[in-house]
Amino acid sequence: MALGGGTFLVQNKVLPGAYINFVSKARASAMLSDRGIATIPLVLDWGAQNEIMEVSTGDLQKNSLKLFGHDYTAPELQGLRDMFKNIRLAYLYRLGADGVKAANDFATAKYTGMRGNDLKVVIAENADEADKFDVILYFGAAKVDEQTVASAEELVNNDYADWKKDAILEATAGIPLAGGTSPTVTNGDFQAYLNAVEPYNFNAIGCPSKNTSIKGLFTAFTKRLRDEQGVKFQCVTFDNPADYEGVVNVMNEAKGDEEWGAVYWVTGVIAGTAVNKSALNKVYDGEYVLDVKLTQTQLENAIKDGKFAFHRVGSDIRVLSDVNSLVNTTLEKGEIFKENQTIRVLDQIANDIAVLFNTKYLGVVPNDADGRISFWSDVVKHHEELQKIRAIEDFKGEDVAVFQGDTKRAVVVNNTVTVVSAMAQLYMTVTVA
């Protein structure tokens, strides 16, 4: 007689046998998610257009020439180097949809932009095979491609140029590509970037502009995603009194053409600062020269006015206070909401619990007492992890309540947390006997 077997839903089998369910362990957990992801649009003279580029620290250091048209140490990548001092990953976007690719008789640049004019093709007869040519491509002084072929038809396209397969190869000392022009950047290009980056998850977005309309665009984008869609991140802008906890208002000007240059470094700091840390008193190690000639009164007013400011302490330039642009408080959002450390903790909770619920519980776990107890247990475990790393304090399991909402499908959570703040002021009295 054949034995029973297979899987089971309830214990109602008739035949003897082994009924075994193989179930994957749920990927979502009550653990804390990592920070350190930023996004920013860039004005570049080389690179992919109309797409988000996922770039890690290693990519920037090893592949900057291919991705951005410049060596890692080039002045053109100063802002990116500043941002990557405090992050591990960035979603980058090249602004501008037009521009012209440089070209010559043998090749066309991979991307539009003036940087393509620095490509040069060198062709020489092969020393060993008289019927073949060595075709070499230079990008500035760097040799980026070399192939030995009998005809242009055999040439393989690379990361820098596409070959013209119908070209007639002949020895040449070097023919540069020409005619490349960089895109014209408009306000609409910033909107295109925001549309493209909206589906991605990140901790901070930088607005590299002093244009009031563009800053307003980034502010509205941030408010919409934070308040209407529950997507928690902070936006870093320059000279933008948004009066909103989701927007950081950088005060200090950078010398040179990019007076908003500190936005790069601050975006990295806002994205990369740990959930249990503050950027208060952090040393500025960026490459821009910042104007820090501020009086004591100006520094005090900066904090009151919700400005993220730098000041000089001895030979160092340091963050005055890790605050966002919120100025006018309400019963729902008190003074503590002005601190970015508070927002980091609250955003961590919102993002982590949303992922936990959407991945492990949504459409899977019944909304009964056992299901709600399971969800309560995961939320409590998550908060206990926050307490272990001293991001919150005085937390107890009874600070989380989970119960059924007004409909059979709804789950309601009431939650209380006390955020830990970094030491900022010392009041000391010394009594001398």
Protein backbone atom coordinates (compact mmCIF):
# COMPACT_ATOMS: atom_id res chain seq x y z
CA MET A 1 0.00 0.00 0.00
CA ALA A 2 1.28 3.45 -0.85
CA LEU A 3 1.91 5.72 2.10
CA GLY A 4 0.52 9.18 2.28
CA GLY A 5 2.82 12.12 1.73
CA GLY A 6 3.12 15.70 0.61
CA THR A 7 2.33 18.91 2.41
CA PHE A 8 -0.48 19.83 4.80
CA LEU A 9 -2.56 22.85 5.71
CA VAL A 10 -4.46 21.30 8.63
CA GLN A 11 -3.97 17.96 10.37
CA ASN A 12 -6.75 16.07 8.55
CA LYS A 13 -4.89 13.33 6.62
CA VAL A 14 -6.32 9.79 6.46
CA LEU A 15 -3.43 7.68 5.15
CA PRO A 16 -0.40 6.99 7.32
CA GLY A 17 2.73 8.70 6.09
CA ALA A 18 4.93 11.76 6.42
CA TYR A 19 3.40 15.09 5.55
CA ILE A 20 6.12 17.74 5.58
CA ASN A 21 5.94 21.46 4.85
CA PHE A 22 9.13 23.23 3.82
CA VAL A 23 8.78 26.90 4.75
CA SER A 24 11.34 29.62 4.20
CA LYS A 25 12.14 31.66 7.25
CA ALA A 26 10.69 35.16 6.87
CA ARG A 27 13.30 37.55 5.58
CA ALA A 28 11.86 40.56 7.36
CA SER A 29 12.96 40.84 10.95
CA ALA A 30 12.89 43.17 13.89
CA MET A 31 16.52 44.11 13.35
CA LEU A 32 17.60 47.65 12.56
CA SER A 33 18.25 48.60 8.93
CA ASP A 34 21.54 50.20 7.91
CA ARG A 35 21.88 53.90 7.16
CA GLY A 36 24.35 55.59 4.84
CA ILE A 37 22.46 55.95 1.54
CA ALA A 38 22.22 59.35 -0.14
CA THR A 39 21.06 60.72 -3.47
CA ILE A 40 21.85 63.89 -5.38
CA PRO A 41 21.62 65.14 -8.99
CA LEU A 42 24.79 66.31 -10.72
CA VAL A 43 25.80 68.68 -13.48
CA LEU A 44 28.35 66.63 -15.42
CA ASP A 45 30.20 66.81 -18.75
CA TRP A 46 30.21 62.99 -19.10
CA GLY A 47 28.07 60.04 -18.09
CA ALA A 48 24.75 58.26 -18.54
CA GLN A 49 21.63 60.39 -18.87
CA ASN A 50 18.01 59.88 -17.83
CA GLU A 51 18.81 57.09 -15.38
CA ILE A 52 19.73 56.56 -11.74
CA MET A 53 23.30 55.38 -11.20
CA GLU A 54 23.89 53.24 -8.10
CA VAL A 55 27.41 54.09 -6.98
CA SER A 56 29.29 52.64 -4.00
CA THR A 57 32.42 54.02 -2.39
CA GLY A 58 34.47 51.49 -4.33
CA ASP A 59 32.80 52.46 -7.61
CA LEU A 60 33.67 56.10 -7.08
CA GLN A 61 37.29 55.33 -6.30
CA LYS A 62 37.87 52.70 -9.00
CA ASN A 63 35.51 53.63 -11.83
CA SER A 64 35.18 57.41 -11.66
CA LEU A 65 36.77 57.92 -15.09
CA LYS A 66 34.31 55.55 -16.73
CA LEU A 67 31.26 56.83 -14.81
CA PHE A 68 31.94 60.57 -14.60
CA GLY A 69 34.74 61.22 -17.09
CA HIS A 70 37.30 62.26 -14.47
CA ASP A 71 39.84 60.67 -12.17
CA TYR A 72 38.84 60.28 -8.52
CA THR A 73 41.14 63.14 -7.49
CA ALA A 74 39.90 65.59 -10.15
CA PRO A 75 38.45 68.95 -9.02
CA GLU A 76 35.22 68.11 -10.86
CA LEU A 77 34.47 65.34 -8.32
CA GLN A 78 35.10 67.45 -5.23
CA GLY A 79 31.46 67.42 -4.15
CA LEU A 80 31.13 63.66 -4.52
CA ARG A 81 34.29 63.07 -2.50
CA ASP A 82 32.82 65.22 0.26
CA MET A 83 29.52 63.36 0.27
CA PHE A 84 31.13 59.91 0.27
CA LYS A 85 33.13 60.67 3.41
CA ASN A 86 30.08 59.61 5.42
CA ILE A 87 28.03 57.28 3.21
CA ARG A 88 28.38 53.84 1.68
CA LEU A 89 26.05 54.15 -1.33
CA ALA A 90 24.60 56.90 -3.50
CA TYR A 91 21.93 57.12 -6.16
CA LEU A 92 23.25 59.68 -8.62
CA TYR A 93 21.66 61.28 -11.66
CA ARG A 94 23.16 63.35 -14.44
CA LEU A 95 21.05 66.44 -15.11
CA GLY A 96 20.16 67.44 -18.67
CA ALA A 97 18.61 65.51 -21.52
CA ASP A 98 20.32 67.06 -24.55
CA GLY A 99 23.96 67.62 -25.52
CA VAL A 100 26.07 66.25 -28.39
CA LYS A 101 28.43 63.29 -28.48
CA ALA A 102 31.96 63.99 -29.66
CA ALA A 103 33.06 62.02 -32.74
CA ASN A 104 35.68 61.57 -35.45
CA ASP A 105 36.05 59.29 -38.48
CA PHE A 106 36.61 56.23 -36.34
CA ALA A 107 34.49 56.53 -33.19
CA THR A 108 31.65 58.28 -31.39
CA ALA A 109 31.82 59.07 -27.68
CA LYS A 110 29.67 56.90 -25.42
CA TYR A 111 28.01 59.93 -23.84
CA THR A 112 27.26 63.54 -24.64
CA GLY A 113 29.40 66.28 -23.14
CA MET A 114 32.46 68.40 -23.62
CA ARG A 115 34.59 65.80 -21.86
CA GLY A 116 34.17 63.56 -24.90
CA ASN A 117 36.41 65.96 -26.82
CA ASP A 118 39.31 64.64 -24.72
CA LEU A 119 39.05 61.21 -26.36
CA LYS A 120 41.70 60.43 -28.97
CA VAL A 121 42.17 57.52 -31.37
CA VAL A 122 45.71 56.33 -32.20
CA ILE A 123 46.17 53.70 -34.96
CA ALA A 124 49.43 51.91 -35.76
CA GLU A 125 50.40 48.96 -37.93
CA ASN A 126 50.88 45.85 -35.82
CA ALA A 127 54.54 44.92 -35.44
CA ASP A 128 53.95 41.18 -35.82
CA GLU A 129 51.12 41.01 -38.33
CA ALA A 130 51.41 43.39 -41.26
CA ASP A 131 47.75 43.04 -42.19
CA LYS A 132 46.51 44.17 -38.76
CA PHE A 133 46.32 47.42 -36.83
CA ASP A 134 46.67 48.33 -33.16
CA VAL A 135 43.78 50.66 -32.37
CA ILE A 136 44.26 52.57 -29.10
CA LEU A 137 41.78 54.90 -27.38
CA TYR A 138 43.00 57.56 -24.95
CA PHE A 139 40.83 59.54 -22.53
CA GLY A 140 43.01 62.51 -21.72
CA ALA A 141 46.36 60.94 -20.82
CA ALA A 142 44.87 57.59 -19.82
CA LYS A 143 44.87 54.63 -22.21
CA VAL A 144 41.37 53.17 -21.84
CA ASP A 145 41.17 50.67 -24.70
CA GLU A 146 43.49 48.80 -27.06
CA GLN A 147 42.56 46.26 -29.74
CA THR A 148 44.40 44.54 -32.57
CA VAL A 149 42.17 44.02 -35.61
CA ALA A 150 42.30 43.62 -39.37
CA SER A 151 39.37 45.97 -39.99
CA ALA A 152 37.12 48.40 -38.12
CA GLU A 153 34.32 45.87 -38.37
CA GLU A 154 36.15 43.74 -35.78
CA LEU A 155 36.40 46.51 -33.20
CA VAL A 156 34.39 45.92 -29.99
CA ASN A 157 32.65 48.89 -28.39
CA ASN A 158 33.87 49.85 -24.90
CA ASP A 159 32.85 52.01 -21.92
CA TYR A 160 34.05 55.19 -23.59
CA ALA A 161 33.26 55.02 -27.30
CA ASP A 162 31.37 53.18 -30.02
CA TRP A 163 33.42 52.35 -33.09
CA LYS A 164 32.34 53.17 -36.63
CA LYS A 165 32.43 49.72 -38.18
CA ASP A 166 32.55 51.03 -41.76
CA ALA A 167 35.66 53.16 -41.16
CA ILE A 168 38.85 52.49 -43.15
CA LEU A 169 41.72 51.92 -40.73
CA GLU A 170 45.01 53.68 -41.45
CA ALA A 171 47.98 54.60 -39.31
CA THR A 172 47.58 57.91 -37.49
CA ALA A 173 49.48 59.63 -34.69
CA GLY A 174 46.25 60.52 -32.96
CA ILE A 175 42.93 61.99 -34.03
CA PRO A 176 40.84 63.57 -31.24
CA LEU A 177 37.09 63.32 -31.10
CA ALA A 178 35.42 66.70 -31.47
CA GLY A 179 32.08 68.49 -31.41
CA GLY A 180 30.94 67.23 -28.01
CA THR A 181 28.73 69.60 -26.03
CA SER A 182 27.33 69.27 -22.51
CA PRO A 183 23.58 69.33 -21.78
CA THR A 184 21.73 72.50 -20.91
CA VAL A 185 20.25 72.08 -17.42
CA THR A 186 16.75 73.45 -16.76
CA ASN A 187 14.36 73.33 -13.82
CA GLY A 188 12.53 70.56 -15.64
CA ASP A 189 15.64 68.38 -15.43
CA PHE A 190 15.52 68.59 -11.63
CA GLN A 191 11.90 67.44 -11.76
CA ALA A 192 12.91 64.56 -14.03
CA TYR A 193 15.50 63.55 -11.44
CA LEU A 194 12.94 63.60 -8.61
CA ASN A 195 10.57 61.47 -10.69
CA ALA A 196 13.36 58.98 -11.36
CA VAL A 197 14.61 58.71 -7.76
CA GLU A 198 11.19 58.51 -6.07
CA PRO A 199 10.99 54.66 -6.07
CA TYR A 200 14.39 54.31 -4.35
CA ASN A 201 15.10 54.07 -0.62
CA PHE A 202 17.61 56.54 0.82
CA ASN A 203 18.31 58.45 4.02
CA ALA A 204 19.05 61.89 2.60
CA ILE A 205 18.64 63.81 -0.63
CA GLY A 206 20.79 66.81 -1.53
CA CYS A 207 19.66 69.87 -3.46
CA PRO A 208 22.73 71.28 -5.28
CA SER A 209 21.31 74.68 -6.14
CA LYS A 210 20.72 78.17 -4.76
CA ASN A 211 17.74 78.66 -7.09
CA THR A 212 14.64 79.37 -5.00
CA SER A 213 12.30 77.48 -7.34
CA ILE A 214 14.46 74.36 -7.30
CA LYS A 215 14.79 74.46 -3.50
CA GLY A 216 11.02 74.78 -3.28
CA LEU A 217 10.65 71.80 -5.62
CA PHE A 218 12.87 69.62 -3.42
CA THR A 219 11.06 70.79 -0.28
CA ALA A 220 7.63 69.96 -1.72
CA PHE A 221 8.92 66.56 -2.87
CA THR A 222 10.20 65.79 0.61
CA LYS A 223 6.98 66.86 2.33
CA ARG A 224 4.84 64.82 -0.04
CA LEU A 225 6.81 61.61 0.40
CA ARG A 226 7.25 61.98 4.16
CA ASP A 227 3.72 63.09 5.05
CA GLU A 228 1.56 61.45 2.40
CA GLN A 229 3.45 58.26 1.58
CA GLY A 230 5.34 57.61 4.81
CA VAL A 231 8.72 57.53 3.06
CA LYS A 232 11.14 58.88 5.63
CA PHE A 233 14.30 60.77 4.64
CA GLN A 234 15.66 64.28 5.06
CA CYS A 235 16.42 66.85 2.37
CA VAL A 236 19.55 69.02 2.59
CA THR A 237 19.31 72.48 1.04
CA PHE A 238 21.22 75.78 1.18
CA ASP A 239 19.67 78.98 2.55
CA ASN A 240 16.17 77.50 2.65
CA PRO A 241 14.09 78.35 5.76
CA ALA A 242 11.54 75.60 5.15
CA ASP A 243 10.39 75.37 8.80
CA TYR A 244 10.03 71.60 8.47
CA GLU A 245 11.76 68.76 10.28
CA GLY A 246 12.36 66.91 7.02
CA VAL A 247 14.47 69.72 5.55
CA VAL A 248 17.97 70.69 6.73
CA ASN A 249 18.88 74.32 6.03
CA VAL A 250 22.65 74.76 5.49
CA MET A 251 23.75 78.26 6.47
CA ASN A 252 27.44 78.71 5.58
CA GLU A 253 28.47 79.76 2.09
CA ALA A 254 31.29 77.98 0.28
CA LYS A 255 33.80 80.09 -1.59
CA GLY A 256 33.81 79.82 -5.38
CA ASP A 257 31.07 79.29 -7.95
CA GLU A 258 29.20 76.74 -5.84
CA GLU A 259 28.26 78.76 -2.76
CA TRP A 260 25.97 75.90 -1.79
CA GLY A 261 28.93 73.46 -1.85
CA ALA A 262 28.57 72.43 1.81
CA VAL A 263 25.34 70.66 0.80
CA TYR A 264 27.40 67.71 -0.45
CA TRP A 265 29.16 67.08 2.88
CA VAL A 266 26.03 67.72 4.96
CA THR A 267 23.97 65.37 2.76
CA GLY A 268 26.51 62.64 3.47
CA VAL A 269 26.44 63.39 7.20
CA ILE A 270 22.65 63.42 7.41
CA ALA A 271 22.48 60.12 5.52
CA GLY A 272 25.37 58.41 7.24
CA THR A 273 25.12 59.43 10.89
CA ALA A 274 24.07 56.40 12.94
CA VAL A 275 20.62 56.29 14.49
CA ASN A 276 22.15 56.55 17.97
CA LYS A 277 24.52 59.39 17.12
CA SER A 278 24.46 63.14 16.58
CA ALA A 279 26.47 65.27 14.16
CA LEU A 280 26.80 67.92 16.86
CA ASN A 281 30.42 69.14 17.07
CA LYS A 282 31.50 66.91 14.17
CA VAL A 283 34.68 68.14 12.48
CA TYR A 284 34.19 69.33 8.90
CA ASP A 285 36.70 67.43 6.75
CA GLY A 286 35.33 68.45 3.38
CA GLU A 287 37.24 70.16 0.58
CA TYR A 288 35.19 73.34 0.19
CA VAL A 289 36.35 76.50 1.93
CA LEU A 290 33.46 77.62 4.12
CA ASP A 291 32.71 81.07 5.46
CA VAL A 292 32.72 80.63 9.24
CA LYS A 293 33.23 84.25 10.28
CA LEU A 294 30.23 84.38 12.60
CA THR A 295 29.72 86.25 15.85
CA GLN A 296 28.38 84.62 19.00
CA THR A 297 25.04 86.33 18.42
CA GLN A 298 24.88 85.06 14.85
CA LEU A 299 25.58 81.51 16.07
CA GLU A 300 22.83 81.72 18.68
CA ASN A 301 20.39 83.06 16.09
CA ALA A 302 21.37 80.29 13.68
CA ILE A 303 20.19 77.63 16.12
CA LYS A 304 16.99 79.55 16.89
CA ASP A 305 16.31 79.99 13.17
CA GLY A 306 16.76 76.29 12.34
CA LYS A 307 20.02 76.69 10.42
CA PHE A 308 22.65 73.94 10.13
CA ALA A 309 25.76 76.00 10.79
CA PHE A 310 29.51 75.52 11.00
CA HIS A 311 31.83 77.47 13.31
CA ARG A 312 35.51 77.57 14.08
CA VAL A 313 36.84 75.88 17.20
CA GLY A 314 40.58 76.42 17.41
CA SER A 315 42.00 75.16 14.13
CA ASP A 316 38.94 73.02 13.37
CA ILE A 317 35.65 73.81 11.68
CA ARG A 318 32.84 71.99 13.45
CA VAL A 319 29.07 71.52 13.26
CA LEU A 320 27.46 74.02 15.62
CA SER A 321 24.27 72.05 16.18
CA ASP A 322 22.65 69.06 14.45
CA VAL A 323 19.33 70.77 13.76
CA ASN A 324 16.81 70.85 10.94
CA SER A 325 14.82 73.83 9.66
CA LEU A 326 11.83 73.41 12.02
CA VAL A 327 11.25 76.67 13.92
CA ASN A 328 7.57 76.92 14.80
CA THR A 329 6.59 74.06 17.10
CA THR A 330 3.12 72.65 17.79
CA LEU A 331 1.51 70.33 20.32
CA GLU A 332 2.21 67.43 17.96
CA LYS A 333 5.78 68.52 17.13
CA GLY A 334 7.59 70.07 20.07
CA GLU A 335 11.12 71.35 20.53
CA ILE A 336 12.62 67.86 20.34
CA PHE A 337 11.57 67.60 16.68
CA LYS A 338 14.13 70.29 15.84
CA GLU A 339 16.94 67.83 16.58
CA ASN A 340 18.07 65.66 13.67
CA GLN A 341 18.96 62.92 16.15
CA THR A 342 15.26 62.71 17.03
CA ILE A 343 14.25 62.58 13.38
CA ARG A 344 16.80 59.84 12.71
CA VAL A 345 15.28 57.65 15.41
CA LEU A 346 11.70 58.31 14.34
CA ASP A 347 12.52 57.73 10.67
CA GLN A 348 14.33 54.49 11.57
CA ILE A 349 11.26 53.26 13.41
CA ALA A 350 8.90 54.26 10.61
CA ASN A 351 10.97 52.69 7.84
CA ASP A 352 11.85 49.49 9.71
CA ILE A 353 8.34 48.77 10.98
CA ALA A 354 6.86 49.49 7.55
CA VAL A 355 9.24 46.99 5.93
CA LEU A 356 8.55 44.46 8.69
CA PHE A 357 4.77 44.74 8.30
CA ASN A 358 4.71 44.86 4.49
CA THR A 359 7.06 41.89 4.12
CA LYS A 360 6.15 39.56 6.96
CA TYR A 361 2.55 40.36 7.92
CA LEU A 362 0.68 42.06 5.06
CA GLY A 363 -1.64 39.52 3.44
CA VAL A 364 0.05 36.66 5.32
CA VAL A 365 -0.72 36.73 9.04
CA PRO A 366 -4.35 36.63 10.25
CA ASN A 367 -5.58 39.71 12.09
CA ASP A 368 -6.52 37.81 15.23
CA ALA A 369 -5.18 37.91 18.77
CA ASP A 370 -2.25 35.59 17.99
CA GLY A 371 -1.32 37.53 14.88
CA ARG A 372 -1.37 40.85 16.71
CA ILE A 373 0.68 39.40 19.58
CA SER A 374 3.27 38.27 17.04
CA PHE A 375 3.41 41.74 15.51
CA TRP A 376 3.60 43.34 18.97
CA SER A 377 6.50 41.03 19.82
CA ASP A 378 8.43 42.08 16.69
CA VAL A 379 7.86 45.80 17.33
CA VAL A 380 9.01 45.41 20.94
CA LYS A 381 12.09 43.48 19.84
CA HIS A 382 12.91 46.23 17.34
CA HIS A 383 12.63 48.91 20.00
CA GLU A 384 14.71 46.86 22.41
CA GLU A 385 17.46 46.87 19.77
CA LEU A 386 17.21 50.68 19.65
CA GLN A 387 17.50 50.76 23.43
CA LYS A 388 20.56 48.47 23.39
CA ILE A 389 22.43 50.94 21.22
CA ARG A 390 21.18 53.84 23.36
CA ALA A 391 19.07 55.48 20.69
CA ILE A 392 16.02 55.40 23.00
CA GLU A 393 15.72 54.93 26.75
CA ASP A 394 13.26 53.80 29.45
CA PHE A 395 11.45 51.58 26.96
CA LYS A 396 9.14 48.82 28.22
CA GLY A 397 7.02 46.32 26.36
CA GLU A 398 3.84 47.97 27.63
CA ASP A 399 4.85 51.13 25.73
CA VAL A 400 3.61 49.33 22.59
CA ALA A 401 -0.07 48.44 22.21
CA VAL A 402 -1.40 46.56 19.18
CA PHE A 403 -5.12 46.06 18.61
CA GLN A 404 -7.68 45.65 15.84
CA GLY A 405 -8.81 48.78 14.06
CA ASP A 406 -12.25 49.80 12.87
CA THR A 407 -12.27 47.11 10.17
CA LYS A 408 -11.35 43.43 10.14
CA ARG A 409 -8.22 44.19 8.13
CA ALA A 410 -6.91 47.12 10.16
CA VAL A 411 -4.21 46.92 12.81
CA VAL A 412 -3.63 49.87 15.14
CA VAL A 413 -0.39 50.45 17.04
CA ASN A 414 0.04 52.97 19.83
CA ASN A 415 3.70 53.49 20.61
CA THR A 416 5.69 55.66 23.01
CA VAL A 417 9.45 56.16 22.82
CA THR A 418 11.91 58.48 24.59
CA VAL A 419 14.73 59.54 22.28
CA VAL A 420 18.23 59.89 23.72
CA SER A 421 20.07 63.12 22.85
CA ALA A 422 23.80 63.70 22.76
CA MET A 423 25.31 65.87 25.50
CA ALA A 424 25.35 69.46 24.32
CA GLN A 425 25.60 71.80 27.34
CA LEU A 426 27.43 71.68 30.64
CA TYR A 427 26.25 73.59 33.67
CA MET A 428 28.73 73.26 36.52
CA THR A 429 29.03 74.88 39.89
CA VAL A 430 32.29 74.71 41.80
CA THR A 431 32.21 75.53 45.49
CA VAL A 432 35.53 76.62 46.91
CA ALA A 433 35.94 76.10 50.65
